[in-house]
Amino acid sequence: MSQRIIAIGDIHGCAQALRRLVAEIQPTTSDLIVPLGDFVDRGPDSRDVVEQLLKLERQCQLVPLLGNHELMMLQALNDVASLRFWLECGGLATIESYGEGMDIPETHVAFLQRCCRFVETDNFVFVHANYDARLPWERQPDRLLFWEHVFSQVPDRHRSGKPVIVGHTPQVSGEILDLGHLICIDTYCVGGGWLTALELETNTVWQVNKAGELRSRDR
């Protein structure tokens, strides 16, 4: 069975959407699936999202990216000032999903800690937010990888020549932003749009809204 390479956009606690999306994808052990970060915050059930991703690790080759919301959550676990900032950025919904006392399982913390800064395959690169086209991936600054929207600064084609798949910048239209050298698949599920999965070799797209309703089509 040939390997599929599938990216999943920003989930933001939309557990029903993720569950339906995975059911439609039907992952196999040969698939490489790259969730692009921002699994938590703002949406209704971040805890369930992380549980689903842990389960997905046993079904396929899952390589999750670190998003700015995971970064804020990890920092908030050890620092009061960071906790206040996280709460202002959607962290309260995550706290509520874990219940009184915010009892976060060690397996969830370990999962977030092992998320990658970037993922590079033979033909594609995956980052959460943005990049500097001149720099190798190992030297990309956190400000770009995790925080800068592509509408603030659309980067040139990366020096590697590979298309870069990103999330983070919400496409409120619900449509994928495809610039050729950069593809953004954060289609704003938590804000009323869609959770998008994109299979890179065939350009197959799956989209599901927050309620788990499917909008599937080929691009």
C-alpha atoms as a PDB file:
ATOM      1  CA  MET A   1       0.000   0.000   0.000  1.00  0.00           C
ATOM      2  CA  SER A   2       1.439   3.379  -0.994  1.00  0.00           C
ATOM      3  CA  GLN A   3       1.952   6.007   1.665  1.00  0.00           C
ATOM      4  CA  ARG A   4      -0.403   8.945   1.885  1.00  0.00           C
ATOM      5  CA  ILE A   5       0.924  12.216   3.302  1.00  0.00           C
ATOM      6  CA  ILE A   6      -1.900  14.112   4.981  1.00  0.00           C
ATOM      7  CA  ALA A   7      -1.865  17.474   6.766  1.00  0.00           C
ATOM      8  CA  ILE A   8      -4.598  18.494   9.212  1.00  0.00           C
ATOM      9  CA  GLY A   9      -5.285  22.159   9.946  1.00  0.00           C
ATOM     10  CA  ASP A  10      -5.851  23.925  13.269  1.00  0.00           C
ATOM     11  CA  ILE A  11      -8.259  21.882  15.429  1.00  0.00           C
ATOM     12  CA  HIS A  12      -8.668  24.236  18.421  1.00  0.00           C
ATOM     13  CA  GLY A  13     -10.636  21.875  20.619  1.00  0.00           C
ATOM     14  CA  CYS A  14     -13.174  20.892  17.930  1.00  0.00           C
ATOM     15  CA  ALA A  15     -13.307  17.247  18.948  1.00  0.00           C
ATOM     16  CA  GLN A  16     -16.406  16.287  16.957  1.00  0.00           C
ATOM     17  CA  ALA A  17     -14.854  17.650  13.782  1.00  0.00           C
ATOM     18  CA  LEU A  18     -11.616  15.727  14.325  1.00  0.00           C
ATOM     19  CA  ARG A  19     -13.462  12.473  15.054  1.00  0.00           C
ATOM     20  CA  ARG A  20     -15.474  12.692  11.827  1.00  0.00           C
ATOM     21  CA  LEU A  21     -12.429  13.781   9.831  1.00  0.00           C
ATOM     22  CA  VAL A  22     -10.403  10.761  10.975  1.00  0.00           C
ATOM     23  CA  ALA A  23     -13.335   8.469  10.209  1.00  0.00           C
ATOM     24  CA  GLU A  24     -13.418   9.808   6.656  1.00  0.00           C
ATOM     25  CA  ILE A  25      -9.646   9.567   6.170  1.00  0.00           C
ATOM     26  CA  GLN A  26      -9.562   5.963   7.436  1.00  0.00           C
ATOM     27  CA  PRO A  27      -5.877   6.089   8.391  1.00  0.00           C
ATOM     28  CA  THR A  28      -3.608   3.088   7.909  1.00  0.00           C
ATOM     29  CA  THR A  29      -0.192   2.238   9.315  1.00  0.00           C
ATOM     30  CA  SER A  30       1.448   3.370   6.064  1.00  0.00           C
ATOM     31  CA  ASP A  31      -0.011   6.903   6.233  1.00  0.00           C
ATOM     32  CA  LEU A  32       2.020   9.884   7.414  1.00  0.00           C
ATOM     33  CA  ILE A  33      -0.347  12.365   9.092  1.00  0.00           C
ATOM     34  CA  VAL A  34       0.889  15.798  10.184  1.00  0.00           C
ATOM     35  CA  PRO A  35      -1.473  17.850  12.368  1.00  0.00           C
ATOM     36  CA  LEU A  36      -0.194  21.412  12.020  1.00  0.00           C
ATOM     37  CA  GLY A  37      -0.541  22.491  15.664  1.00  0.00           C
ATOM     38  CA  ASP A  38      -3.109  24.457  17.687  1.00  0.00           C
ATOM     39  CA  PHE A  39      -4.930  21.354  18.861  1.00  0.00           C
ATOM     40  CA  VAL A  40      -6.077  23.125  22.023  1.00  0.00           C
ATOM     41  CA  ASP A  41      -7.848  26.327  23.170  1.00  0.00           C
ATOM     42  CA  ARG A  42     -10.999  28.222  22.147  1.00  0.00           C
ATOM     43  CA  GLY A  43     -13.054  25.184  21.125  1.00  0.00           C
ATOM     44  CA  PRO A  44     -15.244  22.997  23.352  1.00  0.00           C
ATOM     45  CA  ASP A  45     -13.108  19.910  24.095  1.00  0.00           C
ATOM     46  CA  SER A  46      -9.336  20.199  23.906  1.00  0.00           C
ATOM     47  CA  ARG A  47      -8.901  17.226  26.235  1.00  0.00           C
ATOM     48  CA  ASP A  48     -10.779  14.937  23.851  1.00  0.00           C
ATOM     49  CA  VAL A  49      -8.758  16.261  20.911  1.00  0.00           C
ATOM     50  CA  VAL A  50      -5.494  15.263  22.599  1.00  0.00           C
ATOM     51  CA  GLU A  51      -6.976  11.856  23.490  1.00  0.00           C
ATOM     52  CA  GLN A  52      -7.921  11.333  19.850  1.00  0.00           C
ATOM     53  CA  LEU A  53      -4.437  12.289  18.675  1.00  0.00           C
ATOM     54  CA  LEU A  54      -2.899   9.813  21.116  1.00  0.00           C
ATOM     55  CA  LYS A  55      -5.156   7.124  19.659  1.00  0.00           C
ATOM     56  CA  LEU A  56      -4.248   8.214  16.133  1.00  0.00           C
ATOM     57  CA  GLU A  57      -0.574   7.634  16.957  1.00  0.00           C
ATOM     58  CA  ARG A  58      -1.391   3.931  17.159  1.00  0.00           C
ATOM     59  CA  GLN A  59      -3.161   3.906  13.783  1.00  0.00           C
ATOM     60  CA  CYS A  60      -0.678   5.696  11.531  1.00  0.00           C
ATOM     61  CA  GLN A  61       2.655   7.514  11.443  1.00  0.00           C
ATOM     62  CA  LEU A  62       1.565  10.644  13.295  1.00  0.00           C
ATOM     63  CA  VAL A  63       4.031  13.539  13.442  1.00  0.00           C
ATOM     64  CA  PRO A  64       2.322  16.459  15.225  1.00  0.00           C
ATOM     65  CA  LEU A  65       3.618  20.015  15.027  1.00  0.00           C
ATOM     66  CA  LEU A  66       3.880  22.407  17.930  1.00  0.00           C
ATOM     67  CA  GLY A  67       1.571  25.404  17.565  1.00  0.00           C
ATOM     68  CA  ASN A  68       1.617  28.651  19.496  1.00  0.00           C
ATOM     69  CA  HIS A  69      -1.318  27.470  21.623  1.00  0.00           C
ATOM     70  CA  GLU A  70       0.505  24.305  22.721  1.00  0.00           C
ATOM     71  CA  LEU A  71       3.524  26.487  23.427  1.00  0.00           C
ATOM     72  CA  MET A  72       1.432  28.797  25.620  1.00  0.00           C
ATOM     73  CA  MET A  73      -0.168  25.856  27.418  1.00  0.00           C
ATOM     74  CA  LEU A  74       3.178  24.246  28.252  1.00  0.00           C
ATOM     75  CA  GLN A  75       4.589  27.531  29.500  1.00  0.00           C
ATOM     76  CA  ALA A  76       1.470  28.177  31.597  1.00  0.00           C
ATOM     77  CA  LEU A  77       1.914  24.909  33.480  1.00  0.00           C
ATOM     78  CA  ASN A  78       5.045  26.283  35.125  1.00  0.00           C
ATOM     79  CA  ASP A  79       4.652  30.059  35.224  1.00  0.00           C
ATOM     80  CA  VAL A  80       1.882  32.279  36.630  1.00  0.00           C
ATOM     81  CA  ALA A  81       2.549  35.170  34.241  1.00  0.00           C
ATOM     82  CA  SER A  82       2.372  32.788  31.294  1.00  0.00           C
ATOM     83  CA  LEU A  83      -0.880  31.384  32.683  1.00  0.00           C
ATOM     84  CA  ARG A  84      -2.517  34.814  32.568  1.00  0.00           C
ATOM     85  CA  PHE A  85      -1.420  35.323  28.959  1.00  0.00           C
ATOM     86  CA  TRP A  86      -2.675  31.874  27.970  1.00  0.00           C
ATOM     87  CA  LEU A  87      -6.080  32.520  29.535  1.00  0.00           C
ATOM     88  CA  GLU A  88      -6.391  35.710  27.484  1.00  0.00           C
ATOM     89  CA  CYS A  89      -5.683  33.701  24.309  1.00  0.00           C
ATOM     90  CA  GLY A  90      -8.310  30.975  24.689  1.00  0.00           C
ATOM     91  CA  GLY A  91      -6.794  28.826  27.406  1.00  0.00           C
ATOM     92  CA  LEU A  92      -9.869  28.991  29.642  1.00  0.00           C
ATOM     93  CA  ALA A  93     -11.761  26.637  27.315  1.00  0.00           C
ATOM     94  CA  THR A  94      -8.933  24.134  27.630  1.00  0.00           C
ATOM     95  CA  ILE A  95      -8.902  24.383  31.422  1.00  0.00           C
ATOM     96  CA  GLU A  96     -12.665  23.773  31.487  1.00  0.00           C
ATOM     97  CA  SER A  97     -12.282  20.699  29.291  1.00  0.00           C
ATOM     98  CA  TYR A  98      -9.909  19.152  31.849  1.00  0.00           C
ATOM     99  CA  GLY A  99     -12.287  19.881  34.714  1.00  0.00           C
ATOM    100  CA  GLU A 100     -11.873  21.402  38.145  1.00  0.00           C
ATOM    101  CA  GLY A 101      -8.247  21.458  39.208  1.00  0.00           C
ATOM    102  CA  MET A 102      -7.077  21.159  35.609  1.00  0.00           C
ATOM    103  CA  ASP A 103      -5.922  17.586  36.101  1.00  0.00           C
ATOM    104  CA  ILE A 104      -3.911  17.086  32.919  1.00  0.00           C
ATOM    105  CA  PRO A 105      -2.733  13.486  32.402  1.00  0.00           C
ATOM    106  CA  GLU A 106       1.021  13.045  32.116  1.00  0.00           C
ATOM    107  CA  THR A 107       0.471  11.369  28.748  1.00  0.00           C
ATOM    108  CA  HIS A 108      -1.096  14.584  27.435  1.00  0.00           C
ATOM    109  CA  VAL A 109       1.783  16.757  28.638  1.00  0.00           C
ATOM    110  CA  ALA A 110       4.303  14.318  27.167  1.00  0.00           C
ATOM    111  CA  PHE A 111       2.448  14.396  23.844  1.00  0.00           C
ATOM    112  CA  LEU A 112       2.609  18.194  23.668  1.00  0.00           C
ATOM    113  CA  GLN A 113       6.274  18.162  24.660  1.00  0.00           C
ATOM    114  CA  ARG A 114       7.231  15.841  21.807  1.00  0.00           C
ATOM    115  CA  CYS A 115       5.514  17.892  19.096  1.00  0.00           C
ATOM    116  CA  CYS A 116       7.911  18.990  16.358  1.00  0.00           C
ATOM    117  CA  ARG A 117       8.990  22.501  15.313  1.00  0.00           C
ATOM    118  CA  PHE A 118       8.768  21.484  11.644  1.00  0.00           C
ATOM    119  CA  VAL A 119       8.461  18.356   9.517  1.00  0.00           C
ATOM    120  CA  GLU A 120      10.263  17.855   6.205  1.00  0.00           C
ATOM    121  CA  THR A 121       9.605  15.042   3.730  1.00  0.00           C
ATOM    122  CA  ASP A 122      11.130  14.406   0.299  1.00  0.00           C
ATOM    123  CA  ASN A 123       8.681  16.785  -1.383  1.00  0.00           C
ATOM    124  CA  PHE A 124       7.060  18.991   1.295  1.00  0.00           C
ATOM    125  CA  VAL A 125       7.713  20.932   4.473  1.00  0.00           C
ATOM    126  CA  PHE A 126       5.194  21.483   7.267  1.00  0.00           C
ATOM    127  CA  VAL A 127       5.330  24.347   9.773  1.00  0.00           C
ATOM    128  CA  HIS A 128       2.682  25.857  12.006  1.00  0.00           C
ATOM    129  CA  ALA A 129       2.718  29.535  11.036  1.00  0.00           C
ATOM    130  CA  ASN A 130       5.368  31.079   8.775  1.00  0.00           C
ATOM    131  CA  TYR A 131       9.039  30.978   7.816  1.00  0.00           C
ATOM    132  CA  ASP A 132      12.036  32.882   6.501  1.00  0.00           C
ATOM    133  CA  ALA A 133      12.675  31.737   2.923  1.00  0.00           C
ATOM    134  CA  ARG A 134      16.424  32.364   3.296  1.00  0.00           C
ATOM    135  CA  LEU A 135      17.049  30.262   6.410  1.00  0.00           C
ATOM    136  CA  PRO A 136      17.412  26.486   6.820  1.00  0.00           C
ATOM    137  CA  TRP A 137      14.636  24.942   8.861  1.00  0.00           C
ATOM    138  CA  GLU A 138      16.837  24.333  11.899  1.00  0.00           C
ATOM    139  CA  ARG A 139      17.510  28.090  12.145  1.00  0.00           C
ATOM    140  CA  GLN A 140      13.971  29.399  11.782  1.00  0.00           C
ATOM    141  CA  PRO A 141      13.058  31.771  14.663  1.00  0.00           C
ATOM    142  CA  ASP A 142      10.175  30.956  16.995  1.00  0.00           C
ATOM    143  CA  ARG A 143       8.525  34.271  16.114  1.00  0.00           C
ATOM    144  CA  LEU A 144       7.973  33.011  12.574  1.00  0.00           C
ATOM    145  CA  LEU A 145       7.381  29.300  13.140  1.00  0.00           C
ATOM    146  CA  PHE A 146       4.720  29.822  15.806  1.00  0.00           C
ATOM    147  CA  TRP A 147       3.356  33.358  15.730  1.00  0.00           C
ATOM    148  CA  GLU A 148       3.496  35.340  12.472  1.00  0.00           C
ATOM    149  CA  HIS A 149       0.456  35.152  10.194  1.00  0.00           C
ATOM    150  CA  VAL A 150       1.036  34.866   6.483  1.00  0.00           C
ATOM    151  CA  PHE A 151      -1.182  37.889   5.872  1.00  0.00           C
ATOM    152  CA  SER A 152       1.385  39.899   7.869  1.00  0.00           C
ATOM    153  CA  GLN A 153       4.235  38.722   5.651  1.00  0.00           C
ATOM    154  CA  VAL A 154       3.804  36.307   2.757  1.00  0.00           C
ATOM    155  CA  PRO A 155       7.169  34.556   2.429  1.00  0.00           C
ATOM    156  CA  ASP A 156       8.896  33.801  -0.838  1.00  0.00           C
ATOM    157  CA  ARG A 157       9.477  30.234  -1.987  1.00  0.00           C
ATOM    158  CA  HIS A 158      11.786  28.564   0.495  1.00  0.00           C
ATOM    159  CA  ARG A 159      15.394  27.994  -0.555  1.00  0.00           C
ATOM    160  CA  SER A 160      14.724  24.228  -0.485  1.00  0.00           C
ATOM    161  CA  GLY A 161      12.258  24.670  -3.357  1.00  0.00           C
ATOM    162  CA  LYS A 162       9.687  22.541  -1.537  1.00  0.00           C
ATOM    163  CA  PRO A 163       6.096  23.715  -1.041  1.00  0.00           C
ATOM    164  CA  VAL A 164       5.391  24.618   2.582  1.00  0.00           C
ATOM    165  CA  ILE A 165       2.142  23.604   4.282  1.00  0.00           C
ATOM    166  CA  VAL A 166       1.019  25.873   7.137  1.00  0.00           C
ATOM    167  CA  GLY A 167      -1.898  26.549   9.450  1.00  0.00           C
ATOM    168  CA  HIS A 168      -2.277  29.407  11.983  1.00  0.00           C
ATOM    169  CA  THR A 169      -3.628  32.074   9.611  1.00  0.00           C
ATOM    170  CA  PRO A 170      -7.427  31.585   9.641  1.00  0.00           C
ATOM    171  CA  GLN A 171      -9.010  31.522   6.208  1.00  0.00           C
ATOM    172  CA  VAL A 172     -12.437  32.837   7.196  1.00  0.00           C
ATOM    173  CA  SER A 173     -13.774  31.995   3.739  1.00  0.00           C
ATOM    174  CA  GLY A 174     -13.412  28.325   4.639  1.00  0.00           C
ATOM    175  CA  GLU A 175     -11.286  27.801   1.521  1.00  0.00           C
ATOM    176  CA  ILE A 176      -7.670  26.686   1.348  1.00  0.00           C
ATOM    177  CA  LEU A 177      -5.152  29.399   0.490  1.00  0.00           C
ATOM    178  CA  ASP A 178      -2.952  27.926  -2.254  1.00  0.00           C
ATOM    179  CA  LEU A 179      -0.085  30.120  -3.441  1.00  0.00           C
ATOM    180  CA  GLY A 180       1.801  27.250  -5.022  1.00  0.00           C
ATOM    181  CA  HIS A 181       4.906  27.540  -2.859  1.00  0.00           C
ATOM    182  CA  LEU A 182       2.774  27.971   0.297  1.00  0.00           C
ATOM    183  CA  ILE A 183      -0.524  26.306   1.186  1.00  0.00           C
ATOM    184  CA  CYS A 184      -2.495  27.371   4.266  1.00  0.00           C
ATOM    185  CA  ILE A 185      -5.142  24.931   5.488  1.00  0.00           C
ATOM    186  CA  ASP A 186      -6.393  26.672   8.643  1.00  0.00           C
ATOM    187  CA  THR A 187      -9.960  27.061   7.417  1.00  0.00           C
ATOM    188  CA  TYR A 188     -11.327  28.403  10.706  1.00  0.00           C
ATOM    189  CA  CYS A 189     -13.258  25.449  12.102  1.00  0.00           C
ATOM    190  CA  VAL A 190     -13.549  26.960  15.577  1.00  0.00           C
ATOM    191  CA  GLY A 191     -15.004  30.168  14.113  1.00  0.00           C
ATOM    192  CA  GLY A 192     -17.691  28.530  12.006  1.00  0.00           C
ATOM    193  CA  GLY A 193     -15.618  27.312   9.066  1.00  0.00           C
ATOM    194  CA  TRP A 194     -14.115  23.881   8.445  1.00  0.00           C
ATOM    195  CA  LEU A 195     -11.468  21.542   9.788  1.00  0.00           C
ATOM    196  CA  THR A 196      -9.429  20.620   6.732  1.00  0.00           C
ATOM    197  CA  ALA A 197      -7.285  17.622   5.897  1.00  0.00           C
ATOM    198  CA  LEU A 198      -5.233  17.682   2.689  1.00  0.00           C
ATOM    199  CA  GLU A 199      -3.559  14.676   1.070  1.00  0.00           C
ATOM    200  CA  LEU A 200      -0.565  16.159  -0.701  1.00  0.00           C
ATOM    201  CA  GLU A 201       0.128  13.729  -3.524  1.00  0.00           C
ATOM    202  CA  THR A 202      -3.433  13.553  -4.904  1.00  0.00           C
ATOM    203  CA  ASN A 203      -4.727  16.930  -3.615  1.00  0.00           C
ATOM    204  CA  THR A 204      -7.656  15.163  -1.970  1.00  0.00           C
ATOM    205  CA  VAL A 205      -9.431  17.407   0.532  1.00  0.00           C
ATOM    206  CA  TRP A 206     -11.698  16.479   3.435  1.00  0.00           C
ATOM    207  CA  GLN A 207     -13.533  19.212   5.336  1.00  0.00           C
ATOM    208  CA  VAL A 208     -15.740  18.886   8.411  1.00  0.00           C
ATOM    209  CA  ASN A 209     -17.438  21.600  10.456  1.00  0.00           C
ATOM    210  CA  LYS A 210     -17.445  21.899  14.254  1.00  0.00           C
ATOM    211  CA  ALA A 211     -20.609  19.782  14.493  1.00  0.00           C
ATOM    212  CA  GLY A 212     -18.963  16.955  12.566  1.00  0.00           C
ATOM    213  CA  GLU A 213     -20.796  17.544   9.291  1.00  0.00           C
ATOM    214  CA  LEU A 214     -18.842  16.612   6.183  1.00  0.00           C
ATOM    215  CA  ARG A 215     -17.948  18.732   3.176  1.00  0.00           C
ATOM    216  CA  SER A 216     -15.722  16.428   1.115  1.00  0.00           C
ATOM    217  CA  ARG A 217     -14.459  17.182  -2.373  1.00  0.00           C
ATOM    218  CA  ASP A 218     -11.420  17.074  -4.637  1.00  0.00           C
ATOM    219  CA  ARG A 219      -9.613  20.321  -5.333  1.00  0.00           C
END
